[in-house]
């Protein structure tokens, strides 16, 4: 189960946004709630940034692991070799 990227039960905070006047007027005329749309867009942007940061961290870790394997060999290969050398290996 995914954990939310922010606390949806947190207290609302009044902020100031600058938007295109015509866009705002037309959206308001159609009953579009600017606060709900802005909150949903911010949540989506936050999720996207966090996902990108996680992907970058994973890529960095994989590169470090690849360099380690290149220098020292594969831990799985070493384990297979060690198990194969044992007298009690099946």
N, C-alpha and C. Protein backbone atom coordinates (compact mmCIF):
# COMPACT_ATOMS: atom_id res chain seq x y z
N UNK A 1 0.84 -1.19 0.00
CA UNK A 1 0.00 0.00 0.00
C UNK A 1 0.88 1.24 0.00
N UNK A 2 0.59 2.16 -0.88
CA UNK A 2 1.37 3.40 -0.95
C UNK A 2 1.06 4.32 0.21
N UNK A 3 2.10 4.98 0.68
CA UNK A 3 1.90 5.99 1.70
C UNK A 3 1.67 7.32 1.01
N UNK A 4 0.76 8.14 1.55
CA UNK A 4 0.54 9.45 0.93
C UNK A 4 1.81 10.31 1.03
N UNK A 5 2.00 11.18 0.03
CA UNK A 5 3.18 12.03 0.01
C UNK A 5 3.00 13.27 0.87
N UNK A 6 1.78 13.48 1.34
CA UNK A 6 1.51 14.59 2.24
C UNK A 6 0.34 14.19 3.14
N UNK A 7 0.13 14.93 4.21
CA UNK A 7 -0.95 14.63 5.15
C UNK A 7 -2.24 15.29 4.66
N UNK A 8 -3.17 14.50 4.11
CA UNK A 8 -4.41 15.08 3.59
C UNK A 8 -5.31 15.65 4.68
N UNK A 9 -5.03 15.32 5.93
CA UNK A 9 -5.84 15.84 7.03
C UNK A 9 -5.24 17.11 7.65
N UNK A 10 -4.11 17.56 7.13
CA UNK A 10 -3.47 18.77 7.68
C UNK A 10 -4.37 19.98 7.48
N UNK A 11 -4.21 20.94 8.35
CA UNK A 11 -4.99 22.17 8.29
C UNK A 11 -4.72 22.90 6.98
N UNK A 12 -5.78 23.44 6.39
CA UNK A 12 -5.64 24.22 5.16
C UNK A 12 -4.96 25.54 5.48
N UNK A 13 -4.23 26.05 4.50
CA UNK A 13 -3.50 27.30 4.67
C UNK A 13 -3.85 28.23 3.52
N UNK A 14 -4.10 29.47 3.83
CA UNK A 14 -4.40 30.46 2.81
C UNK A 14 -3.11 30.88 2.14
N UNK A 15 -3.10 30.83 0.80
CA UNK A 15 -1.93 31.24 0.03
C UNK A 15 -2.40 32.14 -1.10
N UNK A 16 -1.48 32.84 -1.71
CA UNK A 16 -1.80 33.72 -2.82
C UNK A 16 -1.24 33.10 -4.10
N UNK A 17 -2.08 33.00 -5.13
CA UNK A 17 -1.66 32.48 -6.42
C UNK A 17 -1.88 33.55 -7.48
N UNK A 18 -1.02 33.58 -8.45
CA UNK A 18 -1.20 34.47 -9.58
C UNK A 18 -1.52 33.61 -10.79
N UNK A 19 -2.70 33.82 -11.37
CA UNK A 19 -3.12 33.03 -12.54
C UNK A 19 -3.66 33.99 -13.60
N UNK A 20 -3.74 33.49 -14.81
CA UNK A 20 -4.30 34.25 -15.91
C UNK A 20 -5.74 34.63 -15.57
N UNK A 21 -6.07 35.90 -15.69
CA UNK A 21 -7.39 36.40 -15.31
C UNK A 21 -8.52 35.79 -16.11
N UNK A 22 -8.32 35.65 -17.42
CA UNK A 22 -9.36 35.07 -18.27
C UNK A 22 -9.58 33.60 -17.91
N UNK A 23 -8.50 32.89 -17.70
CA UNK A 23 -8.59 31.48 -17.32
C UNK A 23 -9.36 31.33 -16.02
N UNK A 24 -9.03 32.17 -15.04
CA UNK A 24 -9.71 32.11 -13.75
C UNK A 24 -11.19 32.41 -13.89
N UNK A 25 -11.52 33.44 -14.65
CA UNK A 25 -12.93 33.83 -14.82
C UNK A 25 -13.74 32.71 -15.48
N UNK A 26 -13.17 32.12 -16.51
CA UNK A 26 -13.89 31.05 -17.22
C UNK A 26 -14.03 29.80 -16.35
N UNK A 27 -12.99 29.47 -15.61
CA UNK A 27 -13.06 28.31 -14.72
C UNK A 27 -14.07 28.55 -13.60
N UNK A 28 -14.06 29.75 -13.05
CA UNK A 28 -15.00 30.08 -11.98
C UNK A 28 -16.44 30.05 -12.49
N UNK A 29 -16.64 30.56 -13.72
CA UNK A 29 -17.99 30.56 -14.32
C UNK A 29 -18.53 29.14 -14.48
N UNK A 30 -17.63 28.19 -14.68
CA UNK A 30 -18.05 26.79 -14.83
C UNK A 30 -18.08 26.04 -13.50
N UNK A 31 -17.82 26.75 -12.42
CA UNK A 31 -17.89 26.14 -11.10
C UNK A 31 -16.67 25.32 -10.72
N UNK A 32 -15.57 25.55 -11.39
CA UNK A 32 -14.34 24.82 -11.06
C UNK A 32 -13.74 25.42 -9.80
N UNK A 33 -13.46 24.58 -8.84
CA UNK A 33 -12.91 25.01 -7.56
C UNK A 33 -11.39 25.12 -7.71
N UNK A 34 -10.88 26.34 -7.73
CA UNK A 34 -9.46 26.58 -7.93
C UNK A 34 -8.61 25.93 -6.84
N UNK A 35 -9.08 25.98 -5.61
CA UNK A 35 -8.31 25.38 -4.51
C UNK A 35 -8.15 23.87 -4.70
N UNK A 36 -9.24 23.20 -5.08
CA UNK A 36 -9.17 21.75 -5.28
C UNK A 36 -8.25 21.41 -6.46
N UNK A 37 -8.37 22.17 -7.55
CA UNK A 37 -7.54 21.91 -8.72
C UNK A 37 -6.07 22.17 -8.40
N UNK A 38 -5.79 23.26 -7.71
CA UNK A 38 -4.40 23.59 -7.35
C UNK A 38 -3.83 22.53 -6.41
N UNK A 39 -4.61 22.09 -5.44
CA UNK A 39 -4.14 21.08 -4.50
C UNK A 39 -3.85 19.76 -5.21
N UNK A 40 -4.73 19.36 -6.11
CA UNK A 40 -4.52 18.11 -6.87
C UNK A 40 -3.29 18.23 -7.76
N UNK A 41 -3.12 19.38 -8.40
CA UNK A 41 -1.96 19.58 -9.28
C UNK A 41 -0.66 19.60 -8.47
N UNK A 42 -0.67 20.23 -7.31
CA UNK A 42 0.52 20.25 -6.46
C UNK A 42 0.86 18.84 -5.96
N UNK A 43 -0.17 18.09 -5.59
CA UNK A 43 0.07 16.72 -5.13
C UNK A 43 0.67 15.87 -6.25
N UNK A 44 0.15 16.02 -7.47
CA UNK A 44 0.69 15.28 -8.61
C UNK A 44 2.13 15.69 -8.90
N UNK A 45 2.41 16.98 -8.85
CA UNK A 45 3.77 17.46 -9.09
C UNK A 45 4.72 16.95 -8.01
N UNK A 46 4.26 16.94 -6.76
CA UNK A 46 5.08 16.44 -5.66
C UNK A 46 5.38 14.96 -5.85
N UNK A 47 4.35 14.17 -6.20
CA UNK A 47 4.56 12.74 -6.44
C UNK A 47 5.57 12.52 -7.57
N UNK A 48 5.44 13.30 -8.64
CA UNK A 48 6.35 13.17 -9.79
C UNK A 48 7.79 13.50 -9.38
N UNK A 49 7.99 14.56 -8.63
CA UNK A 49 9.34 14.95 -8.20
C UNK A 49 9.94 13.91 -7.26
N UNK A 50 9.12 13.40 -6.34
CA UNK A 50 9.62 12.39 -5.41
C UNK A 50 9.98 11.10 -6.15
N UNK A 51 9.16 10.74 -7.13
CA UNK A 51 9.44 9.53 -7.92
C UNK A 51 10.73 9.72 -8.73
N UNK A 52 10.91 10.89 -9.30
CA UNK A 52 12.13 11.17 -10.07
C UNK A 52 13.36 11.12 -9.15
N UNK A 53 13.24 11.65 -7.96
CA UNK A 53 14.35 11.62 -7.01
C UNK A 53 14.65 10.18 -6.59
N UNK A 54 13.62 9.38 -6.38
CA UNK A 54 13.82 7.98 -6.01
C UNK A 54 14.49 7.22 -7.16
N UNK A 55 14.04 7.47 -8.39
CA UNK A 55 14.66 6.81 -9.56
C UNK A 55 16.13 7.19 -9.68
N UNK A 56 16.44 8.46 -9.47
CA UNK A 56 17.83 8.91 -9.55
C UNK A 56 18.68 8.25 -8.47
N UNK A 57 18.13 8.12 -7.28
CA UNK A 57 18.86 7.48 -6.19
C UNK A 57 19.08 5.99 -6.49
N UNK A 58 18.07 5.33 -7.03
CA UNK A 58 18.19 3.91 -7.39
C UNK A 58 19.24 3.74 -8.49
N UNK A 59 19.21 4.61 -9.49
CA UNK A 59 20.20 4.54 -10.57
C UNK A 59 21.62 4.73 -10.03
N UNK A 60 21.78 5.65 -9.10
CA UNK A 60 23.09 5.89 -8.49
C UNK A 60 23.53 4.65 -7.70
N UNK A 61 22.60 4.07 -6.95
CA UNK A 61 22.94 2.86 -6.18
C UNK A 61 23.28 1.70 -7.10
N UNK A 62 22.54 1.54 -8.20
CA UNK A 62 22.82 0.46 -9.14
C UNK A 62 24.19 0.65 -9.80
N UNK A 63 24.53 1.89 -10.11
CA UNK A 63 25.85 2.17 -10.70
C UNK A 63 26.96 1.83 -9.70
N UNK A 64 26.75 2.17 -8.44
CA UNK A 64 27.74 1.86 -7.40
C UNK A 64 27.86 0.35 -7.23
N UNK A 65 26.73 -0.36 -7.26
CA UNK A 65 26.76 -1.82 -7.15
C UNK A 65 27.48 -2.43 -8.36
N UNK A 66 27.19 -1.91 -9.55
CA UNK A 66 27.85 -2.40 -10.76
C UNK A 66 29.36 -2.20 -10.69
N UNK A 67 29.79 -1.06 -10.18
CA UNK A 67 31.22 -0.80 -10.02
C UNK A 67 31.84 -1.76 -9.01
N UNK A 68 31.11 -2.02 -7.94
CA UNK A 68 31.59 -2.96 -6.93
C UNK A 68 31.74 -4.37 -7.52
N UNK A 69 30.73 -4.81 -8.29
CA UNK A 69 30.79 -6.13 -8.92
C UNK A 69 31.93 -6.18 -9.93
N UNK A 70 32.10 -5.11 -10.66
CA UNK A 70 33.19 -5.04 -11.64
C UNK A 70 34.55 -5.20 -10.96
N UNK A 71 34.69 -4.57 -9.81
CA UNK A 71 35.97 -4.61 -9.10
C UNK A 71 36.18 -5.88 -8.29
N UNK A 72 35.11 -6.35 -7.62
CA UNK A 72 35.26 -7.45 -6.67
C UNK A 72 34.59 -8.76 -7.10
N UNK A 73 33.81 -8.71 -8.15
CA UNK A 73 33.07 -9.90 -8.58
C UNK A 73 31.67 -9.93 -8.00
N UNK A 74 30.85 -10.81 -8.54
CA UNK A 74 29.46 -10.92 -8.13
C UNK A 74 29.33 -11.69 -6.82
N UNK A 75 28.61 -11.14 -5.84
CA UNK A 75 28.38 -11.88 -4.59
C UNK A 75 27.66 -13.21 -4.85
N UNK A 76 26.75 -13.24 -5.80
CA UNK A 76 26.04 -14.48 -6.11
C UNK A 76 27.00 -15.52 -6.67
N UNK A 77 27.90 -15.09 -7.55
CA UNK A 77 28.91 -16.00 -8.11
C UNK A 77 29.82 -16.52 -7.01
N UNK A 78 30.23 -15.64 -6.11
CA UNK A 78 31.11 -16.05 -5.02
C UNK A 78 30.41 -17.08 -4.13
N UNK A 79 29.13 -16.86 -3.86
CA UNK A 79 28.37 -17.79 -3.03
C UNK A 79 28.24 -19.14 -3.74
N UNK A 80 27.93 -19.12 -5.04
CA UNK A 80 27.82 -20.38 -5.80
C UNK A 80 29.16 -21.12 -5.78
N UNK A 81 30.24 -20.40 -5.97
CA UNK A 81 31.55 -21.02 -5.93
C UNK A 81 31.84 -21.61 -4.56
N UNK A 82 31.53 -20.87 -3.52
CA UNK A 82 31.79 -21.34 -2.16
C UNK A 82 30.95 -22.57 -1.84
N UNK A 83 29.68 -22.54 -2.22
CA UNK A 83 28.80 -23.68 -1.97
C UNK A 83 29.22 -24.89 -2.79
N UNK A 84 29.69 -24.66 -4.00
CA UNK A 84 30.13 -25.75 -4.85
C UNK A 84 31.38 -26.42 -4.33
N UNK A 85 32.22 -25.70 -3.60
CA UNK A 85 33.47 -26.23 -3.07
C UNK A 85 33.26 -27.02 -1.78
N UNK A 86 32.11 -26.90 -1.17
CA UNK A 86 31.87 -27.58 0.11
C UNK A 86 31.65 -29.07 -0.10
N UNK A 87 32.08 -29.86 0.86
CA UNK A 87 31.92 -31.31 0.79
C UNK A 87 30.47 -31.72 0.96
N UNK A 88 29.72 -30.97 1.76
CA UNK A 88 28.32 -31.35 2.04
C UNK A 88 27.34 -30.71 1.07
N UNK A 89 27.81 -30.11 -0.01
CA UNK A 89 26.93 -29.46 -1.00
C UNK A 89 26.13 -30.53 -1.72
N UNK A 90 24.89 -30.26 -1.93
CA UNK A 90 24.01 -31.25 -2.58
C UNK A 90 24.17 -31.23 -4.07
